[in-house]
C-alpha atoms as a PDB file:
ATOM      1  CA  MET A   1      14.114 132.288  88.449  1.00  0.00           C
ATOM      2  CA  ASN A   2      11.504 129.851  87.244  1.00  0.00           C
ATOM      3  CA  VAL A   3      12.694 126.391  89.164  1.00  0.00           C
ATOM      4  CA  TRP A   4      11.392 124.085  87.076  1.00  0.00           C
ATOM      5  CA  LYS A   5      12.667 125.539  84.257  1.00  0.00           C
ATOM      6  CA  HIS A   6      15.937 125.263  85.828  1.00  0.00           C
ATOM      7  CA  CYS A   7      15.503 122.041  86.906  1.00  0.00           C
ATOM      8  CA  ARG A   8      14.886 120.546  83.801  1.00  0.00           C
ATOM      9  CA  THR A   9      17.989 122.126  82.607  1.00  0.00           C
ATOM     10  CA  ALA A  10      20.206 121.150  85.661  1.00  0.00           C
ATOM     11  CA  GLY A  11      19.390 117.361  85.069  1.00  0.00           C
ATOM     12  CA  ALA A  12      16.584 114.668  87.509  1.00  0.00           C
ATOM     13  CA  ALA A  13      19.015 115.335  90.793  1.00  0.00           C
ATOM     14  CA  CYS A  14      17.631 118.974  90.920  1.00  0.00           C
ATOM     15  CA  ALA A  15      14.165 117.759  90.166  1.00  0.00           C
ATOM     16  CA  LEU A  16      14.537 115.201  93.156  1.00  0.00           C
ATOM     17  CA  GLY A  17      16.071 117.388  95.112  1.00  0.00           C
ATOM     18  CA  LEU A  18      12.785 120.038  94.496  1.00  0.00           C
ATOM     19  CA  GLY A  19      10.759 117.132  95.066  1.00  0.00           C
ATOM     20  CA  LEU A  20      11.330 116.434  98.415  1.00  0.00           C
ATOM     21  CA  LEU A  21      11.373 120.081  99.135  1.00  0.00           C
ATOM     22  CA  LEU A  22       8.153 120.383  98.064  1.00  0.00           C
ATOM     23  CA  GLY A  23       6.967 117.437  99.403  1.00  0.00           C
ATOM     24  CA  GLY A  24       8.139 118.646 102.895  1.00  0.00           C
ATOM     25  CA  CYS A  25       6.300 122.021 102.418  1.00  0.00           C
ATOM     26  CA  ALA A  26       3.204 120.209 101.129  1.00  0.00           C
ATOM     27  CA  GLY A  27       3.055 117.422 104.642  1.00  0.00           C
ATOM     28  CA  PRO A  28       1.598 118.398 107.762  1.00  0.00           C
ATOM     29  CA  GLY A  29       4.218 121.095 108.724  1.00  0.00           C
ATOM     30  CA  PRO A  30       3.020 122.416 111.882  1.00  0.00           C
ATOM     31  CA  GLN A  31       1.309 119.248 112.471  1.00  0.00           C
ATOM     32  CA  SER A  32       3.909 116.765 111.991  1.00  0.00           C
ATOM     33  CA  ALA A  33       4.842 117.916 115.667  1.00  0.00           C
ATOM     34  CA  THR A  34       1.650 118.065 117.064  1.00  0.00           C
ATOM     35  CA  ALA A  35       1.169 114.389 115.833  1.00  0.00           C
ATOM     36  CA  ALA A  36       4.271 113.655 117.644  1.00  0.00           C
ATOM     37  CA  MET A  37       2.775 114.824 120.599  1.00  0.00           C
ATOM     38  CA  PRO A  38       1.011 112.179 122.023  1.00  0.00           C
ATOM     39  CA  ALA A  39       3.284 109.669 121.355  1.00  0.00           C
ATOM     40  CA  LYS A  40       5.957 111.371 123.744  1.00  0.00           C
ATOM     41  CA  ALA A  41       3.324 112.370 125.993  1.00  0.00           C
ATOM     42  CA  ALA A  42       2.252 108.202 126.204  1.00  0.00           C
ATOM     43  CA  ALA A  43       5.709 107.058 126.702  1.00  0.00           C
ATOM     44  CA  ALA A  44       6.322 109.936 129.458  1.00  0.00           C
ATOM     45  CA  ALA A  45       2.910 108.571 131.090  1.00  0.00           C
ATOM     46  CA  ALA A  46       4.116 104.934 130.742  1.00  0.00           C
ATOM     47  CA  ARG A  47       3.649 102.113 133.697  1.00  0.00           C
ATOM     48  CA  LEU A  48       6.741 101.600 135.680  1.00  0.00           C
ATOM     49  CA  ASP A  49       5.640  98.694 137.199  1.00  0.00           C
ATOM     50  CA  SER A  50       2.897  96.399 136.526  1.00  0.00           C
ATOM     51  CA  THR A  51       2.102  94.675 139.800  1.00  0.00           C
ATOM     52  CA  PRO A  52      -1.760  95.741 141.569  1.00  0.00           C
ATOM     53  CA  ARG A  53       0.049  97.749 144.783  1.00  0.00           C
ATOM     54  CA  VAL A  54      -1.280  99.840 147.292  1.00  0.00           C
ATOM     55  CA  ALA A  55       0.002 102.984 147.119  1.00  0.00           C
ATOM     56  CA  VAL A  56       1.245 104.718 150.344  1.00  0.00           C
ATOM     57  CA  LEU A  57       2.420 108.399 150.788  1.00  0.00           C
ATOM     58  CA  SER A  58       3.269 110.996 153.263  1.00  0.00           C
ATOM     59  CA  ALA A  59       3.630 114.181 153.082  1.00  0.00           C
ATOM     60  CA  PHE A  60       7.096 114.913 154.196  1.00  0.00           C
ATOM     61  CA  ALA A  61      10.139 112.842 154.976  1.00  0.00           C
ATOM     62  CA  PRO A  62      10.011 112.011 158.786  1.00  0.00           C
ATOM     63  CA  GLU A  63       6.318 110.499 158.436  1.00  0.00           C
ATOM     64  CA  LEU A  64       7.511 107.738 156.122  1.00  0.00           C
ATOM     65  CA  THR A  65      11.146 106.739 158.448  1.00  0.00           C
ATOM     66  CA  LEU A  66       9.110 104.046 159.840  1.00  0.00           C
ATOM     67  CA  LEU A  67       7.577 102.470 156.661  1.00  0.00           C
ATOM     68  CA  ARG A  68      10.959 102.967 154.622  1.00  0.00           C
ATOM     69  CA  ARG A  69      12.594 100.595 157.106  1.00  0.00           C
ATOM     70  CA  GLN A  70      10.026  97.585 156.912  1.00  0.00           C
ATOM     71  CA  LEU A  71      10.123  97.702 152.836  1.00  0.00           C
ATOM     72  CA  ALA A  72      11.057  94.746 151.550  1.00  0.00           C
ATOM     73  CA  ASP A  73      12.522  94.533 148.128  1.00  0.00           C
ATOM     74  CA  PRO A  74      12.782  97.712 147.786  1.00  0.00           C
ATOM     75  CA  VAL A  75      12.908  99.225 143.909  1.00  0.00           C
ATOM     76  CA  THR A  76      13.279 102.562 143.488  1.00  0.00           C
ATOM     77  CA  HIS A  77      12.201 105.023 139.733  1.00  0.00           C
ATOM     78  CA  GLN A  78      12.442 108.395 139.571  1.00  0.00           C
ATOM     79  CA  VAL A  79       9.482 110.382 137.601  1.00  0.00           C
ATOM     80  CA  GLN A  80      10.266 114.561 137.300  1.00  0.00           C
ATOM     81  CA  GLY A  81      12.145 114.570 140.148  1.00  0.00           C
ATOM     82  CA  VAL A  82       9.582 112.532 142.347  1.00  0.00           C
ATOM     83  CA  GLU A  83      11.007 109.210 144.010  1.00  0.00           C
ATOM     84  CA  PHE A  84       8.700 105.820 143.901  1.00  0.00           C
ATOM     85  CA  THR A  85       9.586 103.067 145.904  1.00  0.00           C
ATOM     86  CA  THR A  86       8.084  99.857 145.185  1.00  0.00           C
ATOM     87  CA  GLY A  87       8.397  96.488 147.775  1.00  0.00           C
ATOM     88  CA  VAL A  88       6.387  95.142 150.015  1.00  0.00           C
ATOM     89  CA  LEU A  89       4.767  95.950 153.335  1.00  0.00           C
ATOM     90  CA  ALA A  90       3.530  94.227 155.905  1.00  0.00           C
ATOM     91  CA  GLY A  91       3.305  91.871 153.767  1.00  0.00           C
ATOM     92  CA  ARG A  92       1.345  93.660 150.473  1.00  0.00           C
ATOM     93  CA  PRO A  93       2.877  94.922 147.184  1.00  0.00           C
ATOM     94  CA  VAL A  94       3.339  98.801 147.452  1.00  0.00           C
ATOM     95  CA  VAL A  95       4.673 101.801 146.174  1.00  0.00           C
ATOM     96  CA  LEU A  96       5.952 104.496 148.515  1.00  0.00           C
ATOM     97  CA  PHE A  97       6.085 108.240 147.880  1.00  0.00           C
ATOM     98  CA  LEU A  98       5.913 111.648 149.294  1.00  0.00           C
ATOM     99  CA  SER A  99       3.263 113.434 147.947  1.00  0.00           C
ATOM    100  CA  GLY A 100       5.001 116.752 148.787  1.00  0.00           C
ATOM    101  CA  ILE A 101       3.546 119.336 151.089  1.00  0.00           C
ATOM    102  CA  SER A 102       0.463 120.990 150.392  1.00  0.00           C
ATOM    103  CA  MET A 103      -2.631 120.969 148.181  1.00  0.00           C
ATOM    104  CA  VAL A 104      -1.264 121.147 144.786  1.00  0.00           C
ATOM    105  CA  ASN A 105       1.938 118.915 145.092  1.00  0.00           C
ATOM    106  CA  ALA A 106      -0.390 116.347 147.012  1.00  0.00           C
ATOM    107  CA  ALA A 107      -3.162 116.267 143.912  1.00  0.00           C
ATOM    108  CA  MET A 108      -0.474 116.666 141.727  1.00  0.00           C
ATOM    109  CA  ASN A 109       2.210 113.531 142.861  1.00  0.00           C
ATOM    110  CA  THR A 110      -1.132 111.293 143.644  1.00  0.00           C
ATOM    111  CA  GLN A 111      -2.052 111.799 139.794  1.00  0.00           C
ATOM    112  CA  ARG A 112       1.205 110.716 139.004  1.00  0.00           C
ATOM    113  CA  VAL A 113       1.172 107.385 140.954  1.00  0.00           C
ATOM    114  CA  LEU A 114      -1.810 106.836 139.658  1.00  0.00           C
ATOM    115  CA  ASP A 115      -0.605 107.216 136.151  1.00  0.00           C
ATOM    116  CA  ARG A 116       2.792 105.434 136.421  1.00  0.00           C
ATOM    117  CA  PHE A 117       1.344 102.493 138.801  1.00  0.00           C
ATOM    118  CA  ASN A 118      -1.067  99.488 138.936  1.00  0.00           C
ATOM    119  CA  VAL A 119      -2.554 100.788 141.569  1.00  0.00           C
ATOM    120  CA  GLN A 120      -5.456  99.673 143.828  1.00  0.00           C
ATOM    121  CA  ALA A 121      -5.837 102.254 146.557  1.00  0.00           C
ATOM    122  CA  LEU A 122      -4.301 105.103 148.185  1.00  0.00           C
ATOM    123  CA  VAL A 123      -3.454 105.190 151.791  1.00  0.00           C
ATOM    124  CA  PHE A 124      -1.959 108.147 153.568  1.00  0.00           C
ATOM    125  CA  SER A 125       0.149 108.160 156.712  1.00  0.00           C
ATOM    126  CA  GLY A 126       1.059 111.519 158.669  1.00  0.00           C
ATOM    127  CA  ILE A 127       0.649 114.052 161.047  1.00  0.00           C
ATOM    128  CA  ALA A 128      -1.934 116.564 161.813  1.00  0.00           C
ATOM    129  CA  GLY A 129      -3.559 119.254 163.943  1.00  0.00           C
ATOM    130  CA  GLY A 130      -6.441 118.439 166.138  1.00  0.00           C
ATOM    131  CA  VAL A 131      -9.281 120.190 166.452  1.00  0.00           C
ATOM    132  CA  ASN A 132     -11.367 118.128 168.089  1.00  0.00           C
ATOM    133  CA  PRO A 133     -10.822 119.169 171.796  1.00  0.00           C
ATOM    134  CA  GLY A 134     -11.697 115.596 173.094  1.00  0.00           C
ATOM    135  CA  LEU A 135      -8.485 114.438 171.101  1.00  0.00           C
ATOM    136  CA  HIS A 136      -4.790 114.826 172.375  1.00  0.00           C
ATOM    137  CA  ILE A 137      -1.236 114.707 170.972  1.00  0.00           C
ATOM    138  CA  GLY A 138      -0.668 111.584 169.839  1.00  0.00           C
ATOM    139  CA  ASP A 139      -3.766 110.170 169.128  1.00  0.00           C
ATOM    140  CA  VAL A 140      -4.156 108.363 165.429  1.00  0.00           C
ATOM    141  CA  SER A 141      -7.679 109.934 163.731  1.00  0.00           C
ATOM    142  CA  VAL A 142      -8.967 107.924 160.957  1.00  0.00           C
ATOM    143  CA  PRO A 143     -11.819 110.254 159.517  1.00  0.00           C
ATOM    144  CA  GLN A 144     -14.686 108.810 157.148  1.00  0.00           C
ATOM    145  CA  GLN A 145     -14.573 111.800 155.146  1.00  0.00           C
ATOM    146  CA  TRP A 146     -12.513 115.070 154.166  1.00  0.00           C
ATOM    147  CA  GLY A 147     -12.999 118.705 152.724  1.00  0.00           C
ATOM    148  CA  GLN A 148     -11.430 120.971 151.677  1.00  0.00           C
ATOM    149  CA  TYR A 149     -12.393 124.152 154.145  1.00  0.00           C
ATOM    150  CA  LEU A 150      -9.880 126.555 152.633  1.00  0.00           C
ATOM    151  CA  GLU A 151     -11.841 126.570 149.165  1.00  0.00           C
ATOM    152  CA  VAL A 152     -13.658 129.873 149.989  1.00  0.00           C
ATOM    153  CA  LEU A 153     -15.194 133.224 148.460  1.00  0.00           C
ATOM    154  CA  ILE A 154     -13.910 136.182 150.284  1.00  0.00           C
ATOM    155  CA  ALA A 155     -16.850 138.402 150.338  1.00  0.00           C
ATOM    156  CA  ARG A 156     -17.005 141.965 150.475  1.00  0.00           C
ATOM    157  CA  GLU A 157     -17.843 144.261 153.834  1.00  0.00           C
ATOM    158  CA  THR A 158     -21.529 145.365 153.336  1.00  0.00           C
ATOM    159  CA  ALA A 159     -21.723 147.256 156.544  1.00  0.00           C
ATOM    160  CA  PRO A 160     -19.327 147.220 159.364  1.00  0.00           C
ATOM    161  CA  GLY A 161     -17.979 143.938 160.336  1.00  0.00           C
ATOM    162  CA  ARG A 162     -20.828 142.394 158.013  1.00  0.00           C
ATOM    163  CA  TYR A 163     -19.876 139.849 154.657  1.00  0.00           C
ATOM    164  CA  THR A 164     -21.959 139.015 152.437  1.00  0.00           C
ATOM    165  CA  ALA A 165     -21.737 136.298 149.642  1.00  0.00           C
ATOM    166  CA  PRO A 166     -23.011 137.444 145.888  1.00  0.00           C
ATOM    167  CA  PRO A 167     -26.527 136.611 145.677  1.00  0.00           C
ATOM    168  CA  PHE A 168     -25.084 133.983 142.273  1.00  0.00           C
ATOM    169  CA  MET A 169     -22.893 132.191 144.298  1.00  0.00           C
ATOM    170  CA  LYS A 170     -24.721 129.644 146.144  1.00  0.00           C
ATOM    171  CA  ASP A 171     -22.158 126.745 147.265  1.00  0.00           C
ATOM    172  CA  ALA A 172     -21.269 128.440 150.072  1.00  0.00           C
ATOM    173  CA  MET A 173     -22.608 126.439 152.286  1.00  0.00           C
ATOM    174  CA  HIS A 174     -20.757 126.454 155.243  1.00  0.00           C
ATOM    175  CA  PRO A 175     -21.001 128.894 158.352  1.00  0.00           C
ATOM    176  CA  ASN A 176     -18.728 131.715 156.961  1.00  0.00           C
ATOM    177  CA  TYR A 177     -15.856 133.232 159.586  1.00  0.00           C
ATOM    178  CA  GLY A 178     -15.987 136.694 158.949  1.00  0.00           C
ATOM    179  CA  MET A 179     -15.328 137.312 155.060  1.00  0.00           C
ATOM    180  CA  PHE A 180     -14.642 133.875 154.496  1.00  0.00           C
ATOM    181  CA  PHE A 181     -17.550 131.674 153.317  1.00  0.00           C
ATOM    182  CA  PRO A 182     -16.270 127.978 151.967  1.00  0.00           C
ATOM    183  CA  ARG A 183     -16.826 126.435 149.475  1.00  0.00           C
ATOM    184  CA  THR A 184     -17.693 123.559 147.559  1.00  0.00           C
ATOM    185  CA  VAL A 185     -14.927 122.511 144.602  1.00  0.00           C
ATOM    186  CA  GLU A 186     -16.016 121.128 140.866  1.00  0.00           C
ATOM    187  CA  VAL A 187     -15.401 117.747 139.817  1.00  0.00           C
ATOM    188  CA  VAL A 188     -15.838 115.471 137.477  1.00  0.00           C
ATOM    189  CA  THR A 189     -15.345 111.746 136.929  1.00  0.00           C
ATOM    190  CA  ALA A 190     -15.816 109.037 134.394  1.00  0.00           C
ATOM    191  CA  GLN A 191     -18.831 107.708 135.903  1.00  0.00           C
ATOM    192  CA  GLN A 192     -20.291 111.665 136.212  1.00  0.00           C
ATOM    193  CA  PRO A 193     -18.415 113.540 133.246  1.00  0.00           C
ATOM    194  CA  GLN A 194     -20.617 116.358 133.726  1.00  0.00           C
ATOM    195  CA  VAL A 195     -19.404 119.203 136.283  1.00  0.00           C
ATOM    196  CA  HIS A 196     -20.757 118.927 139.815  1.00  0.00           C
ATOM    197  CA  ARG A 197     -19.577 120.131 142.852  1.00  0.00           C
ATOM    198  CA  LYS A 198     -18.718 117.915 146.204  1.00  0.00           C
ATOM    199  CA  PHE A 199     -17.264 119.811 149.879  1.00  0.00           C
ATOM    200  CA  TRP A 200     -16.638 116.025 151.422  1.00  0.00           C
ATOM    201  CA  PHE A 201     -14.773 113.629 149.682  1.00  0.00           C
ATOM    202  CA  GLU A 202     -15.329 109.831 151.830  1.00  0.00           C
ATOM    203  CA  VAL A 203     -13.075 107.364 152.408  1.00  0.00           C
ATOM    204  CA  ASP A 204     -13.885 103.867 150.914  1.00  0.00           C
ATOM    205  CA  PRO A 205     -16.629 102.152 153.121  1.00  0.00           C
ATOM    206  CA  GLY A 206     -14.789  98.828 153.371  1.00  0.00           C
ATOM    207  CA  MET A 207     -10.987 100.099 154.460  1.00  0.00           C
ATOM    208  CA  LEU A 208     -12.700 102.034 157.397  1.00  0.00           C
ATOM    209  CA  SER A 209     -14.507  99.029 158.568  1.00  0.00           C
ATOM    210  CA  ALA A 210     -11.160  97.263 158.779  1.00  0.00           C
ATOM    211  CA  ALA A 211      -9.776 100.590 160.170  1.00  0.00           C
ATOM    212  CA  ARG A 212     -12.593 100.092 163.112  1.00  0.00           C
ATOM    213  CA  GLN A 213     -11.531  96.417 163.895  1.00  0.00           C
ATOM    214  CA  LEU A 214      -7.910  97.531 164.891  1.00  0.00           C
ATOM    215  CA  LYS A 215      -6.298  96.829 168.134  1.00  0.00           C
ATOM    216  CA  VAL A 216      -2.714  98.786 168.201  1.00  0.00           C
ATOM    217  CA  PRO A 217      -0.553  99.843 171.115  1.00  0.00           C
ATOM    218  CA  LEU A 218       0.346 103.662 170.105  1.00  0.00           C
ATOM    219  CA  SER A 219       3.386 105.321 171.710  1.00  0.00           C
ATOM    220  CA  ALA A 220       3.331 108.084 174.473  1.00  0.00           C
ATOM    221  CA  CYS A 221       6.667 108.755 175.260  1.00  0.00           C
ATOM    222  CA  THR A 222       9.624 110.519 173.345  1.00  0.00           C
ATOM    223  CA  ALA A 223      12.262 109.291 175.571  1.00  0.00           C
ATOM    224  CA  PRO A 224      12.152 107.927 178.973  1.00  0.00           C
ATOM    225  CA  GLY A 225      10.390 109.567 181.617  1.00  0.00           C
ATOM    226  CA  LYS A 226       9.204 112.105 178.764  1.00  0.00           C
ATOM    227  CA  CYS A 227       5.306 110.970 177.874  1.00  0.00           C
ATOM    228  CA  LEU A 228       2.320 112.101 177.110  1.00  0.00           C
ATOM    229  CA  SER A 229      -0.050 112.770 180.244  1.00  0.00           C
ATOM    230  CA  ASN A 230      -3.118 110.667 177.784  1.00  0.00           C
ATOM    231  CA  PRO A 231      -2.274 107.596 176.258  1.00  0.00           C
ATOM    232  CA  PRO A 232      -2.506 108.091 172.874  1.00  0.00           C
ATOM    233  CA  LYS A 233      -5.868 106.267 171.399  1.00  0.00           C
ATOM    234  CA  LEU A 234      -6.946 105.354 167.771  1.00  0.00           C
ATOM    235  CA  VAL A 235     -10.431 107.013 166.756  1.00  0.00           C
ATOM    236  CA  VAL A 236     -11.915 106.276 163.349  1.00  0.00           C
ATOM    237  CA  GLY A 237     -14.982 108.384 161.963  1.00  0.00           C
ATOM    238  CA  GLY A 238     -15.687 111.729 161.989  1.00  0.00           C
ATOM    239  CA  ASN A 239     -14.453 114.268 159.596  1.00  0.00           C
ATOM    240  CA  GLY A 240     -10.752 115.904 158.329  1.00  0.00           C
ATOM    241  CA  VAL A 241     -10.347 118.853 156.712  1.00  0.00           C
ATOM    242  CA  SER A 242      -7.403 120.424 154.468  1.00  0.00           C
ATOM    243  CA  GLY A 243      -6.007 123.805 153.440  1.00  0.00           C
ATOM    244  CA  GLN A 244      -3.303 125.027 151.805  1.00  0.00           C
ATOM    245  CA  ALA A 245      -2.213 126.724 155.299  1.00  0.00           C
ATOM    246  CA  PHE A 246      -0.612 125.720 158.651  1.00  0.00           C
ATOM    247  CA  MET A 247      -3.081 126.795 161.253  1.00  0.00           C
ATOM    248  CA  ASP A 248      -2.249 128.012 164.684  1.00  0.00           C
ATOM    249  CA  ASN A 249      -4.913 129.835 165.553  1.00  0.00           C
ATOM    250  CA  ALA A 250      -7.399 128.989 168.683  1.00  0.00           C
ATOM    251  CA  ALA A 251     -10.069 131.201 167.523  1.00  0.00           C
ATOM    252  CA  PHE A 252      -9.885 129.088 163.732  1.00  0.00           C
ATOM    253  CA  ARG A 253      -9.642 126.118 165.238  1.00  0.00           C
ATOM    254  CA  GLU A 254     -12.561 126.147 167.228  1.00  0.00           C
ATOM    255  CA  TYR A 255     -14.070 127.856 164.378  1.00  0.00           C
ATOM    256  CA  THR A 256     -13.275 124.798 161.833  1.00  0.00           C
ATOM    257  CA  PHE A 257     -14.287 122.123 164.985  1.00  0.00           C
ATOM    258  CA  LYS A 258     -17.935 123.616 165.368  1.00  0.00           C
ATOM    259  CA  THR A 259     -18.587 124.344 161.452  1.00  0.00           C
ATOM    260  CA  PHE A 260     -17.374 120.914 160.016  1.00  0.00           C
ATOM    261  CA  GLU A 261     -17.222 118.963 163.186  1.00  0.00           C
ATOM    262  CA  ALA A 262     -13.388 118.227 161.927  1.00  0.00           C
ATOM    263  CA  ASN A 263     -11.289 115.814 164.248  1.00  0.00           C
ATOM    264  CA  VAL A 264      -8.372 116.760 162.689  1.00  0.00           C
ATOM    265  CA  LEU A 265      -6.553 119.238 159.735  1.00  0.00           C
ATOM    266  CA  ASP A 266      -3.863 119.046 157.189  1.00  0.00           C
ATOM    267  CA  MET A 267      -2.551 120.297 154.059  1.00  0.00           C
ATOM    268  CA  GLU A 268      -2.764 117.476 152.038  1.00  0.00           C
ATOM    269  CA  THR A 269      -5.596 114.402 152.503  1.00  0.00           C
ATOM    270  CA  ALA A 270      -8.575 116.229 150.941  1.00  0.00           C
ATOM    271  CA  ALA A 271      -6.561 116.946 147.651  1.00  0.00           C
ATOM    272  CA  VAL A 272      -5.740 113.327 147.286  1.00  0.00           C
ATOM    273  CA  GLY A 273      -9.000 112.324 148.300  1.00  0.00           C
ATOM    274  CA  GLN A 274     -10.894 114.715 145.216  1.00  0.00           C
ATOM    275  CA  VAL A 275      -7.973 112.745 142.999  1.00  0.00           C
ATOM    276  CA  ALA A 276      -8.908 109.093 144.152  1.00  0.00           C
ATOM    277  CA  TYR A 277     -12.634 110.491 143.920  1.00  0.00           C
ATOM    278  CA  SER A 278     -12.064 111.482 139.897  1.00  0.00           C
ATOM    279  CA  ASN A 279     -10.150 108.393 139.253  1.00  0.00           C
ATOM    280  CA  GLY A 280     -12.544 106.004 140.866  1.00  0.00           C
ATOM    281  CA  VAL A 281      -9.577 104.681 143.257  1.00  0.00           C
ATOM    282  CA  PRO A 282     -10.526 103.935 147.122  1.00  0.00           C
ATOM    283  CA  TYR A 283      -8.933 105.740 149.473  1.00  0.00           C
ATOM    284  CA  ILE A 284      -8.078 105.807 153.511  1.00  0.00           C
ATOM    285  CA  ALA A 285      -5.687 108.231 155.818  1.00  0.00           C
ATOM    286  CA  PHE A 286      -4.275 107.600 158.916  1.00  0.00           C
ATOM    287  CA  ARG A 287      -3.371 111.069 160.969  1.00  0.00           C
ATOM    288  CA  SER A 288      -1.763 110.885 164.291  1.00  0.00           C
ATOM    289  CA  LEU A 289      -2.014 114.587 166.027  1.00  0.00           C
ATOM    290  CA  SER A 290       1.316 116.253 166.597  1.00  0.00           C
ATOM    291  CA  ASP A 291       0.063 119.485 167.971  1.00  0.00           C
ATOM    292  CA  LEU A 292      -3.681 120.869 168.782  1.00  0.00           C
ATOM    293  CA  ALA A 293      -3.386 123.732 165.811  1.00  0.00           C
ATOM    294  CA  GLY A 294      -3.222 126.640 167.947  1.00  0.00           C
ATOM    295  CA  GLY A 295      -5.630 125.030 171.023  1.00  0.00           C
ATOM    296  CA  GLY A 296      -2.462 124.004 173.271  1.00  0.00           C
ATOM    297  CA  ASP A 297      -0.807 126.364 176.070  1.00  0.00           C
ATOM    298  CA  GLY A 298       2.591 127.868 174.756  1.00  0.00           C
ATOM    299  CA  GLU A 299       4.353 127.287 171.672  1.00  0.00           C
ATOM    300  CA  ASN A 300       2.714 125.239 168.873  1.00  0.00           C
ATOM    301  CA  GLU A 301       3.930 121.433 169.796  1.00  0.00           C
ATOM    302  CA  MET A 302       4.782 120.024 166.460  1.00  0.00           C
ATOM    303  CA  GLY A 303       8.467 120.611 166.484  1.00  0.00           C
ATOM    304  CA  THR A 304       8.204 118.298 169.788  1.00  0.00           C
ATOM    305  CA  PHE A 305       5.976 115.537 169.086  1.00  0.00           C
ATOM    306  CA  PHE A 306       6.094 115.063 165.094  1.00  0.00           C
ATOM    307  CA  GLY A 307       8.795 112.032 165.489  1.00  0.00           C
ATOM    308  CA  LEU A 308       6.066 110.209 168.186  1.00  0.00           C
ATOM    309  CA  ALA A 309       3.082 111.122 165.935  1.00  0.00           C
ATOM    310  CA  ALA A 310       4.405 109.927 162.611  1.00  0.00           C
ATOM    311  CA  ASP A 311       5.529 106.811 164.130  1.00  0.00           C
ATOM    312  CA  ASN A 312       1.964 106.372 165.681  1.00  0.00           C
ATOM    313  CA  SER A 313       0.578 106.929 162.581  1.00  0.00           C
ATOM    314  CA  ALA A 314       2.594 104.193 160.680  1.00  0.00           C
ATOM    315  CA  LYS A 315       2.093 101.767 163.295  1.00  0.00           C
ATOM    316  CA  VAL A 316      -1.513 101.911 162.166  1.00  0.00           C
ATOM    317  CA  LEU A 317      -1.361 102.094 158.709  1.00  0.00           C
ATOM    318  CA  LEU A 318       0.995  98.607 159.091  1.00  0.00           C
ATOM    319  CA  ALA A 319      -1.612  96.933 161.254  1.00  0.00           C
ATOM    320  CA  PHE A 320      -4.610  97.913 158.590  1.00  0.00           C
ATOM    321  CA  LEU A 321      -2.269  96.397 155.933  1.00  0.00           C
ATOM    322  CA  ARG A 322      -1.612  93.360 157.404  1.00  0.00           C
ATOM    323  CA  ALA A 323      -5.574  92.711 158.382  1.00  0.00           C
ATOM    324  CA  TRP A 324      -7.300  94.585 155.406  1.00  0.00           C
ATOM    325  CA  GLN A 325      -9.077  92.362 152.435  1.00  0.00           C
ATOM    326  CA  PRO A 326     -10.056  94.392 149.658  1.00  0.00           C
END
């Protein structure tokens, strides 16, 4: 049937309806959904709070316990299942949240807080495994830079017990551990939009300088009569490393210390450091030793000392917030 002829005989109403139908067909079509997507994405990423704040994050709930108790005027926001709580901590406007455990969670949720809040700086508080044999459980380490020590090339075995990186792999810059060759990561920033590679993500120098001035009494006892043999101390400077594995191996701990001169290792901070670098936001991390990453006698110590370590880290963070002048 000739639809135009049919409409001429059926009247104006048919012609109007057909015009609307064909107008819709001639319009953007699939592009209309695409055009709506930026608006939807913009709405999803809208700022939830405009107050300039310090983002204070920890990996899992016990690390935030002391800080939550100290938080005044709390207001909770939910972003895709993640809870962000604004308030005042040590006299400073903050937003508290859990990064989640391990590297992808830490990177994802750090970017979320930067997108949804007016974040002026990132501060991490939590526990870590001790790598430097000169440090002890309960000590608080504040490294000057963090690297991703498990970002590796897994090399082929070219002779019994001998592993060789491909000749084109120029960024395997640290000594290998068997088949594992640590590598740098690719990054871009607004200031450096071209792809470049980094291993170390440096903390903010001003924040590190403020941390060096702190004098904080740290807890040495988990209960009356149950105290550490070495009184905990605050150590500012040196290196930290992060990777997506819980490490409890004496040989790999020794390699990590010798290769990266690391004081501590964890599963999140270097990921936070990379996000901070990419966004041009200053950061620092306070990590207290809950265990020795496989270097202690007997079983891993984390289950016994994570509460003490988490509180020691939080105490240093609170002192830092009171002292630091951006």
